[in-house]
Amino acid sequence: MLMAHPAVLRDLIGQYETLRALNAQDGGEEAQRRLADVSYTLCVVTGPRDADAALIAARHQLPGARVTDDSVLTAPTAPLA
């Protein structure tokens, strides 16, 4: 499987987080289009079809990523017996 260069991943993560922090989804047409483009690109380079899952996958592909990164999002909801 092809892997995106870490610099590309860092750039995409930064763009996505900035656009989300600026509430681009509620902004003008240009901001919404840019958020959609970055989300799509994250999905293409990481595999998932969901932007949030793609963001997590991108973070895990960066050098030095730990297996436990973003674990709160995938933790089981019920205690194991």
N, C-alpha and C. Protein backbone atom coordinates (compact mmCIF):
# COMPACT_ATOMS: atom_id res chain seq x y z
N MET A 1 0.84 -1.18 0.00
CA MET A 1 0.00 0.00 0.00
C MET A 1 0.88 1.24 0.00
N LEU A 2 0.53 2.21 -0.80
CA LEU A 2 1.27 3.46 -0.84
C LEU A 2 0.97 4.29 0.40
N MET A 3 1.98 4.99 0.89
CA MET A 3 1.81 5.83 2.07
C MET A 3 2.20 7.26 1.69
N ALA A 4 1.42 8.21 2.16
CA ALA A 4 1.72 9.61 1.91
C ALA A 4 2.95 10.01 2.72
N HIS A 5 3.71 10.95 2.17
CA HIS A 5 4.89 11.46 2.85
C HIS A 5 4.45 12.17 4.14
N PRO A 6 5.21 12.01 5.22
CA PRO A 6 4.84 12.66 6.48
C PRO A 6 4.63 14.17 6.37
N ALA A 7 5.39 14.83 5.53
CA ALA A 7 5.21 16.29 5.37
C ALA A 7 3.85 16.60 4.76
N VAL A 8 3.40 15.77 3.83
CA VAL A 8 2.08 15.95 3.22
C VAL A 8 1.00 15.72 4.26
N LEU A 9 1.16 14.67 5.06
CA LEU A 9 0.18 14.38 6.10
C LEU A 9 0.10 15.51 7.11
N ARG A 10 1.25 16.01 7.56
CA ARG A 10 1.26 17.12 8.52
C ARG A 10 0.55 18.34 7.96
N ASP A 11 0.81 18.64 6.68
CA ASP A 11 0.17 19.79 6.04
C ASP A 11 -1.35 19.61 5.97
N LEU A 12 -1.79 18.44 5.56
CA LEU A 12 -3.24 18.18 5.47
C LEU A 12 -3.90 18.23 6.85
N ILE A 13 -3.24 17.64 7.85
CA ILE A 13 -3.78 17.68 9.21
C ILE A 13 -3.90 19.13 9.67
N GLY A 14 -2.87 19.92 9.43
CA GLY A 14 -2.88 21.32 9.83
C GLY A 14 -3.98 22.11 9.14
N GLN A 15 -4.14 21.91 7.84
CA GLN A 15 -5.19 22.60 7.10
C GLN A 15 -6.58 22.20 7.62
N TYR A 16 -6.77 20.91 7.81
CA TYR A 16 -8.07 20.42 8.28
C TYR A 16 -8.40 21.00 9.65
N GLU A 17 -7.45 20.91 10.57
CA GLU A 17 -7.69 21.42 11.93
C GLU A 17 -7.94 22.92 11.93
N THR A 18 -7.22 23.66 11.10
CA THR A 18 -7.42 25.11 11.02
C THR A 18 -8.81 25.43 10.48
N LEU A 19 -9.19 24.76 9.41
CA LEU A 19 -10.51 25.01 8.83
C LEU A 19 -11.62 24.64 9.80
N ARG A 20 -11.46 23.54 10.52
CA ARG A 20 -12.48 23.15 11.51
C ARG A 20 -12.53 24.15 12.66
N ALA A 21 -11.37 24.63 13.10
CA ALA A 21 -11.32 25.60 14.19
C ALA A 21 -12.00 26.91 13.79
N LEU A 22 -11.93 27.23 12.51
CA LEU A 22 -12.56 28.45 12.01
C LEU A 22 -14.02 28.22 11.61
N ASN A 23 -14.53 27.03 11.90
CA ASN A 23 -15.91 26.66 11.54
C ASN A 23 -16.18 26.87 10.05
N ALA A 24 -15.29 26.39 9.23
CA ALA A 24 -15.41 26.56 7.79
C ALA A 24 -16.70 25.95 7.25
N GLN A 25 -17.19 24.89 7.91
CA GLN A 25 -18.42 24.25 7.43
C GLN A 25 -19.60 25.21 7.51
N ASP A 26 -19.52 26.23 8.38
CA ASP A 26 -20.59 27.22 8.51
C ASP A 26 -20.23 28.53 7.82
N GLY A 27 -19.09 28.57 7.16
CA GLY A 27 -18.61 29.79 6.55
C GLY A 27 -19.10 29.96 5.12
N GLY A 28 -18.37 30.76 4.40
CA GLY A 28 -18.72 31.05 3.02
C GLY A 28 -18.47 29.86 2.10
N GLU A 29 -18.87 30.04 0.87
CA GLU A 29 -18.75 28.96 -0.12
C GLU A 29 -17.30 28.52 -0.31
N GLU A 30 -16.37 29.47 -0.36
CA GLU A 30 -14.95 29.14 -0.56
C GLU A 30 -14.40 28.33 0.61
N ALA A 31 -14.75 28.72 1.84
CA ALA A 31 -14.28 27.99 3.03
C ALA A 31 -14.86 26.59 3.06
N GLN A 32 -16.12 26.45 2.73
CA GLN A 32 -16.75 25.13 2.71
C GLN A 32 -16.12 24.24 1.64
N ARG A 33 -15.83 24.82 0.48
CA ARG A 33 -15.21 24.05 -0.60
C ARG A 33 -13.81 23.60 -0.19
N ARG A 34 -13.06 24.49 0.46
CA ARG A 34 -11.70 24.14 0.88
C ARG A 34 -11.72 23.03 1.92
N LEU A 35 -12.65 23.10 2.88
CA LEU A 35 -12.78 22.05 3.89
C LEU A 35 -13.15 20.72 3.22
N ALA A 36 -14.06 20.77 2.27
CA ALA A 36 -14.45 19.55 1.55
C ALA A 36 -13.26 18.97 0.78
N ASP A 37 -12.47 19.83 0.15
CA ASP A 37 -11.29 19.38 -0.61
C ASP A 37 -10.25 18.73 0.30
N VAL A 38 -9.96 19.37 1.42
CA VAL A 38 -8.97 18.83 2.35
C VAL A 38 -9.47 17.53 2.96
N SER A 39 -10.75 17.47 3.31
CA SER A 39 -11.34 16.24 3.85
C SER A 39 -11.23 15.11 2.84
N TYR A 40 -11.57 15.39 1.60
CA TYR A 40 -11.50 14.38 0.54
C TYR A 40 -10.06 13.89 0.36
N THR A 41 -9.11 14.82 0.34
CA THR A 41 -7.72 14.44 0.15
C THR A 41 -7.21 13.59 1.31
N LEU A 42 -7.59 13.96 2.53
CA LEU A 42 -7.22 13.13 3.69
C LEU A 42 -7.76 11.71 3.52
N CYS A 43 -8.99 11.60 3.08
CA CYS A 43 -9.59 10.28 2.87
C CYS A 43 -8.85 9.49 1.80
N VAL A 44 -8.49 10.15 0.72
CA VAL A 44 -7.80 9.47 -0.38
C VAL A 44 -6.43 8.96 0.05
N VAL A 45 -5.68 9.78 0.78
CA VAL A 45 -4.31 9.39 1.12
C VAL A 45 -4.23 8.43 2.31
N THR A 46 -5.33 8.28 3.07
CA THR A 46 -5.28 7.39 4.23
C THR A 46 -6.19 6.17 4.12
N GLY A 47 -7.24 6.24 3.30
CA GLY A 47 -8.10 5.08 3.10
C GLY A 47 -9.52 5.20 3.62
N PRO A 48 -9.75 5.69 4.84
CA PRO A 48 -11.14 5.77 5.33
C PRO A 48 -12.00 6.71 4.48
N ARG A 49 -13.30 6.50 4.51
CA ARG A 49 -14.22 7.35 3.76
C ARG A 49 -14.80 8.47 4.60
N ASP A 50 -14.49 8.47 5.89
CA ASP A 50 -14.97 9.47 6.82
C ASP A 50 -13.81 10.39 7.18
N ALA A 51 -14.02 11.71 7.15
CA ALA A 51 -12.94 12.67 7.39
C ALA A 51 -12.35 12.52 8.79
N ASP A 52 -13.18 12.29 9.79
CA ASP A 52 -12.65 12.14 11.16
C ASP A 52 -11.78 10.88 11.27
N ALA A 53 -12.22 9.80 10.66
CA ALA A 53 -11.42 8.56 10.67
C ALA A 53 -10.14 8.75 9.87
N ALA A 54 -10.21 9.49 8.79
CA ALA A 54 -9.02 9.78 7.98
C ALA A 54 -8.02 10.61 8.76
N LEU A 55 -8.52 11.54 9.56
CA LEU A 55 -7.64 12.37 10.39
C LEU A 55 -6.90 11.50 11.40
N ILE A 56 -7.61 10.58 12.03
CA ILE A 56 -6.97 9.67 12.98
C ILE A 56 -5.94 8.80 12.27
N ALA A 57 -6.31 8.27 11.10
CA ALA A 57 -5.39 7.43 10.33
C ALA A 57 -4.14 8.21 9.95
N ALA A 58 -4.31 9.47 9.55
CA ALA A 58 -3.17 10.31 9.17
C ALA A 58 -2.23 10.50 10.35
N ARG A 59 -2.81 10.76 11.52
CA ARG A 59 -1.98 10.93 12.72
C ARG A 59 -1.21 9.66 13.05
N HIS A 60 -1.84 8.51 12.86
CA HIS A 60 -1.18 7.24 13.15
C HIS A 60 -0.07 6.93 12.16
N GLN A 61 -0.13 7.50 10.98
CA GLN A 61 0.90 7.24 9.97
C GLN A 61 2.12 8.12 10.14
N LEU A 62 2.04 9.13 10.99
CA LEU A 62 3.18 10.01 11.20
C LEU A 62 4.26 9.30 12.00
N PRO A 63 5.52 9.61 11.70
CA PRO A 63 6.61 9.01 12.48
C PRO A 63 6.45 9.35 13.96
N GLY A 64 6.66 8.36 14.82
CA GLY A 64 6.57 8.58 16.25
C GLY A 64 5.18 8.43 16.82
N ALA A 65 4.19 8.13 15.99
CA ALA A 65 2.82 7.95 16.49
C ALA A 65 2.77 6.74 17.40
N ARG A 66 1.99 6.86 18.44
CA ARG A 66 1.82 5.75 19.38
C ARG A 66 0.49 5.06 19.09
N VAL A 67 0.43 3.81 19.42
CA VAL A 67 -0.78 3.02 19.20
C VAL A 67 -1.94 3.62 19.99
N THR A 68 -1.66 4.23 21.12
CA THR A 68 -2.73 4.76 21.97
C THR A 68 -3.22 6.13 21.56
N ASP A 69 -2.63 6.77 20.56
CA ASP A 69 -3.11 8.06 20.11
C ASP A 69 -4.57 7.95 19.69
N ASP A 70 -5.41 8.91 20.09
CA ASP A 70 -6.82 8.96 19.77
C ASP A 70 -7.60 7.77 20.32
N SER A 71 -7.07 7.10 21.33
CA SER A 71 -7.73 5.91 21.86
C SER A 71 -9.07 6.22 22.50
N VAL A 72 -9.27 7.46 22.95
CA VAL A 72 -10.54 7.82 23.55
C VAL A 72 -11.68 7.64 22.55
N LEU A 73 -11.38 7.85 21.29
CA LEU A 73 -12.41 7.74 20.26
C LEU A 73 -12.79 6.30 19.98
N THR A 74 -11.93 5.36 20.33
CA THR A 74 -12.20 3.95 20.01
C THR A 74 -12.33 3.10 21.25
N ALA A 75 -12.38 3.71 22.43
CA ALA A 75 -12.47 2.93 23.67
C ALA A 75 -13.82 2.25 23.75
N PRO A 76 -13.86 1.04 24.32
CA PRO A 76 -15.15 0.36 24.47
C PRO A 76 -16.07 1.15 25.40
N THR A 77 -17.37 1.09 25.13
CA THR A 77 -18.32 1.85 25.92
C THR A 77 -18.75 1.11 27.19
N ALA A 78 -18.59 -0.18 27.24
CA ALA A 78 -18.97 -0.96 28.42
C ALA A 78 -17.72 -1.63 28.98
N PRO A 79 -17.63 -1.78 30.29
CA PRO A 79 -16.47 -2.47 30.86
C PRO A 79 -16.45 -3.93 30.43
N LEU A 80 -15.25 -4.43 30.26
CA LEU A 80 -15.09 -5.84 29.89
C LEU A 80 -15.25 -6.71 31.12
N ALA A 81 -15.91 -7.82 30.98
CA ALA A 81 -16.15 -8.72 32.12
C ALA A 81 -15.06 -9.72 32.26
